């Protein structure tokens, strides 16, 4: 099963976040662990990397070492780029549905790659018709 993993899931993993009730970091860790053990194949994009660099204040090579190292080593992750048409569609969806451009783009990328979108972002409920969205603990 292919999963397009949103920025917030990788941030939950690295920062071991929790919302005082739910262990978000643990759920993200289990998702990555299950991927490494061949249950899932993860897709992510350059835009996720850009967001992670900003949120975590890290360089791309640091992200590869601290977040993606085992996924890369086991060939369980693919970094994809949006096409011009996908970017245009995301821009349009963003305006029509009043959601951030990257959220729209990630839904389009998940759909076009036949992947389940994994996120905690509430914006995705506005575009559930574009891509199926789940939280890590719902898998």
C-alpha atoms as a PDB file:
ATOM      1  CA  UNK A   1       0.000   0.000   0.000  1.00  0.00           C
ATOM      2  CA  UNK A   2       1.325   3.445  -0.954  1.00  0.00           C
ATOM      3  CA  UNK A   3       1.058   6.308   1.530  1.00  0.00           C
ATOM      4  CA  UNK A   4       1.693   9.977   0.829  1.00  0.00           C
ATOM      5  CA  UNK A   5       2.921  11.236   4.201  1.00  0.00           C
ATOM      6  CA  UNK A   6       2.301  14.882   5.068  1.00  0.00           C
ATOM      7  CA  UNK A   7       4.784  17.165   6.791  1.00  0.00           C
ATOM      8  CA  UNK A   8       3.038  17.071  10.162  1.00  0.00           C
ATOM      9  CA  UNK A   9       3.513  13.315  10.504  1.00  0.00           C
ATOM     10  CA  UNK A  10       7.283  13.557   9.981  1.00  0.00           C
ATOM     11  CA  UNK A  11       7.392  16.475  12.449  1.00  0.00           C
ATOM     12  CA  UNK A  12       5.404  14.407  14.989  1.00  0.00           C
ATOM     13  CA  UNK A  13       7.969  11.629  14.568  1.00  0.00           C
ATOM     14  CA  UNK A  14      11.073  13.788  14.909  1.00  0.00           C
ATOM     15  CA  UNK A  15       9.752  15.994  17.713  1.00  0.00           C
ATOM     16  CA  UNK A  16       7.957  13.087  19.449  1.00  0.00           C
ATOM     17  CA  UNK A  17       4.921  15.331  19.815  1.00  0.00           C
ATOM     18  CA  UNK A  18       1.813  14.648  21.821  1.00  0.00           C
ATOM     19  CA  UNK A  19      -1.396  16.574  22.342  1.00  0.00           C
ATOM     20  CA  UNK A  20      -1.515  15.717  26.070  1.00  0.00           C
ATOM     21  CA  UNK A  21      -3.767  12.738  25.338  1.00  0.00           C
ATOM     22  CA  UNK A  22      -2.608  11.166  22.090  1.00  0.00           C
ATOM     23  CA  UNK A  23       1.045  10.129  21.567  1.00  0.00           C
ATOM     24  CA  UNK A  24       1.399  11.617  18.067  1.00  0.00           C
ATOM     25  CA  UNK A  25       5.114  10.853  17.878  1.00  0.00           C
ATOM     26  CA  UNK A  26       4.561   7.206  18.744  1.00  0.00           C
ATOM     27  CA  UNK A  27       1.877   6.833  16.066  1.00  0.00           C
ATOM     28  CA  UNK A  28       4.237   8.393  13.502  1.00  0.00           C
ATOM     29  CA  UNK A  29       7.090   6.129  14.666  1.00  0.00           C
ATOM     30  CA  UNK A  30       4.894   3.030  14.265  1.00  0.00           C
ATOM     31  CA  UNK A  31       3.932   4.121  10.743  1.00  0.00           C
ATOM     32  CA  UNK A  32       7.592   4.471   9.752  1.00  0.00           C
ATOM     33  CA  UNK A  33       8.473   1.194  11.470  1.00  0.00           C
ATOM     34  CA  UNK A  34       5.678  -0.599   9.602  1.00  0.00           C
ATOM     35  CA  UNK A  35       6.934   0.896   6.342  1.00  0.00           C
ATOM     36  CA  UNK A  36      10.484  -0.282   6.967  1.00  0.00           C
ATOM     37  CA  UNK A  37       9.127  -3.775   7.636  1.00  0.00           C
ATOM     38  CA  UNK A  38       7.535  -3.723   4.161  1.00  0.00           C
ATOM     39  CA  UNK A  39       3.907  -3.101   5.100  1.00  0.00           C
ATOM     40  CA  UNK A  40       3.764   0.340   3.439  1.00  0.00           C
ATOM     41  CA  UNK A  41       5.631   2.311   0.807  1.00  0.00           C
ATOM     42  CA  UNK A  42       5.971   6.019   1.568  1.00  0.00           C
ATOM     43  CA  UNK A  43       5.760   8.851  -0.924  1.00  0.00           C
ATOM     44  CA  UNK A  44       6.627  12.411  -0.078  1.00  0.00           C
ATOM     45  CA  UNK A  45       7.506  15.502  -2.075  1.00  0.00           C
ATOM     46  CA  UNK A  46       9.967  18.330  -2.368  1.00  0.00           C
ATOM     47  CA  UNK A  47       7.349  20.590  -0.822  1.00  0.00           C
ATOM     48  CA  UNK A  48       7.236  18.389   2.302  1.00  0.00           C
ATOM     49  CA  UNK A  49      11.034  18.632   2.522  1.00  0.00           C
ATOM     50  CA  UNK A  50      10.847  22.423   2.199  1.00  0.00           C
ATOM     51  CA  UNK A  51       8.262  22.615   4.988  1.00  0.00           C
ATOM     52  CA  UNK A  52      10.284  20.279   7.223  1.00  0.00           C
ATOM     53  CA  UNK A  53      13.454  22.318   6.703  1.00  0.00           C
ATOM     54  CA  UNK A  54      11.567  25.416   7.846  1.00  0.00           C
ATOM     55  CA  UNK A  55       9.709  23.805  10.784  1.00  0.00           C
ATOM     56  CA  UNK A  56      12.690  21.866  12.135  1.00  0.00           C
ATOM     57  CA  UNK A  57      15.345  24.401  11.124  1.00  0.00           C
ATOM     58  CA  UNK A  58      17.391  21.675   9.431  1.00  0.00           C
ATOM     59  CA  UNK A  59      19.156  21.277   6.098  1.00  0.00           C
ATOM     60  CA  UNK A  60      18.060  18.608   3.639  1.00  0.00           C
ATOM     61  CA  UNK A  61      21.068  16.358   4.329  1.00  0.00           C
ATOM     62  CA  UNK A  62      20.267  16.572   8.065  1.00  0.00           C
ATOM     63  CA  UNK A  63      16.657  15.537   7.393  1.00  0.00           C
ATOM     64  CA  UNK A  64      17.886  12.557   5.392  1.00  0.00           C
ATOM     65  CA  UNK A  65      19.994  11.501   8.370  1.00  0.00           C
ATOM     66  CA  UNK A  66      17.519  12.104  11.208  1.00  0.00           C
ATOM     67  CA  UNK A  67      14.194  11.248   9.585  1.00  0.00           C
ATOM     68  CA  UNK A  68      14.584   9.412   6.288  1.00  0.00           C
ATOM     69  CA  UNK A  69      17.780   7.356   6.757  1.00  0.00           C
ATOM     70  CA  UNK A  70      16.194   3.941   7.378  1.00  0.00           C
ATOM     71  CA  UNK A  71      13.438   4.508   4.819  1.00  0.00           C
ATOM     72  CA  UNK A  72      16.053   5.374   2.206  1.00  0.00           C
ATOM     73  CA  UNK A  73      18.257   2.412   3.183  1.00  0.00           C
ATOM     74  CA  UNK A  74      15.344  -0.025   2.875  1.00  0.00           C
ATOM     75  CA  UNK A  75      14.074   1.665  -0.321  1.00  0.00           C
ATOM     76  CA  UNK A  76      10.696   2.319   1.295  1.00  0.00           C
ATOM     77  CA  UNK A  77      10.419   5.989   0.363  1.00  0.00           C
ATOM     78  CA  UNK A  78      10.130   7.873  -2.888  1.00  0.00           C
ATOM     79  CA  UNK A  79      10.544  11.630  -3.224  1.00  0.00           C
ATOM     80  CA  UNK A  80       8.289  12.945  -5.970  1.00  0.00           C
ATOM     81  CA  UNK A  81       8.018  16.296  -7.731  1.00  0.00           C
ATOM     82  CA  UNK A  82       4.780  17.970  -8.698  1.00  0.00           C
ATOM     83  CA  UNK A  83       4.213  18.578 -12.379  1.00  0.00           C
ATOM     84  CA  UNK A  84       3.212  21.994 -13.639  1.00  0.00           C
ATOM     85  CA  UNK A  85      -0.367  20.751 -14.169  1.00  0.00           C
ATOM     86  CA  UNK A  86      -0.529  19.408 -10.602  1.00  0.00           C
ATOM     87  CA  UNK A  87       0.735  22.732  -9.247  1.00  0.00           C
ATOM     88  CA  UNK A  88      -1.875  24.634 -11.282  1.00  0.00           C
ATOM     89  CA  UNK A  89      -4.651  22.326 -10.070  1.00  0.00           C
ATOM     90  CA  UNK A  90      -3.501  22.740  -6.462  1.00  0.00           C
ATOM     91  CA  UNK A  91      -3.460  26.536  -6.813  1.00  0.00           C
ATOM     92  CA  UNK A  92      -7.033  26.425  -8.131  1.00  0.00           C
ATOM     93  CA  UNK A  93      -8.227  24.086  -5.354  1.00  0.00           C
ATOM     94  CA  UNK A  94      -6.528  26.243  -2.752  1.00  0.00           C
ATOM     95  CA  UNK A  95      -8.472  29.293  -3.862  1.00  0.00           C
ATOM     96  CA  UNK A  96     -11.792  27.517  -4.359  1.00  0.00           C
ATOM     97  CA  UNK A  97     -11.741  25.725  -1.019  1.00  0.00           C
ATOM     98  CA  UNK A  98      -9.840  28.267   1.049  1.00  0.00           C
ATOM     99  CA  UNK A  99      -7.060  25.887   2.078  1.00  0.00           C
ATOM    100  CA  UNK A 100      -3.271  26.208   1.970  1.00  0.00           C
ATOM    101  CA  UNK A 101      -1.723  25.519  -1.430  1.00  0.00           C
ATOM    102  CA  UNK A 102       0.533  22.740  -0.151  1.00  0.00           C
ATOM    103  CA  UNK A 103      -2.412  20.906   1.428  1.00  0.00           C
ATOM    104  CA  UNK A 104      -4.176  20.985  -1.926  1.00  0.00           C
ATOM    105  CA  UNK A 105      -0.981  19.908  -3.685  1.00  0.00           C
ATOM    106  CA  UNK A 106      -0.423  16.961  -1.348  1.00  0.00           C
ATOM    107  CA  UNK A 107      -3.981  15.744  -1.972  1.00  0.00           C
ATOM    108  CA  UNK A 108      -3.440  15.983  -5.745  1.00  0.00           C
ATOM    109  CA  UNK A 109      -0.108  14.136  -5.487  1.00  0.00           C
ATOM    110  CA  UNK A 110      -1.667  11.391  -3.363  1.00  0.00           C
ATOM    111  CA  UNK A 111      -4.544  10.981  -5.828  1.00  0.00           C
ATOM    112  CA  UNK A 112      -2.314  10.950  -8.904  1.00  0.00           C
ATOM    113  CA  UNK A 113       0.028   8.384  -7.329  1.00  0.00           C
ATOM    114  CA  UNK A 114      -2.847   6.189  -6.085  1.00  0.00           C
ATOM    115  CA  UNK A 115      -1.739   6.678  -2.503  1.00  0.00           C
ATOM    116  CA  UNK A 116      -3.570   7.146   0.756  1.00  0.00           C
ATOM    117  CA  UNK A 117      -2.854  10.579   2.238  1.00  0.00           C
ATOM    118  CA  UNK A 118      -1.596  10.396   5.834  1.00  0.00           C
ATOM    119  CA  UNK A 119      -2.066  13.610   7.787  1.00  0.00           C
ATOM    120  CA  UNK A 120      -3.512  15.260  10.872  1.00  0.00           C
ATOM    121  CA  UNK A 121      -4.346  18.498   9.092  1.00  0.00           C
ATOM    122  CA  UNK A 122      -8.027  19.435   9.268  1.00  0.00           C
ATOM    123  CA  UNK A 123      -7.815  21.115   5.850  1.00  0.00           C
ATOM    124  CA  UNK A 124      -7.900  17.712   4.229  1.00  0.00           C
ATOM    125  CA  UNK A 125     -11.493  17.168   5.172  1.00  0.00           C
ATOM    126  CA  UNK A 126     -12.304  19.949   2.701  1.00  0.00           C
ATOM    127  CA  UNK A 127     -10.705  17.903  -0.082  1.00  0.00           C
ATOM    128  CA  UNK A 128     -11.670  14.365   0.856  1.00  0.00           C
ATOM    129  CA  UNK A 129     -13.136  14.026  -2.610  1.00  0.00           C
ATOM    130  CA  UNK A 130      -9.647  14.464  -4.084  1.00  0.00           C
ATOM    131  CA  UNK A 131      -7.758  11.940  -1.928  1.00  0.00           C
ATOM    132  CA  UNK A 132      -8.618   9.541   0.863  1.00  0.00           C
ATOM    133  CA  UNK A 133      -7.131  10.819   4.124  1.00  0.00           C
ATOM    134  CA  UNK A 134      -6.219   8.875   7.262  1.00  0.00           C
ATOM    135  CA  UNK A 135      -4.297   9.479  10.467  1.00  0.00           C
ATOM    136  CA  UNK A 136      -1.423   7.071  11.241  1.00  0.00           C
ATOM    137  CA  UNK A 137      -3.374   5.356  14.022  1.00  0.00           C
ATOM    138  CA  UNK A 138      -6.254   4.651  11.618  1.00  0.00           C
ATOM    139  CA  UNK A 139      -4.160   2.260   9.524  1.00  0.00           C
END
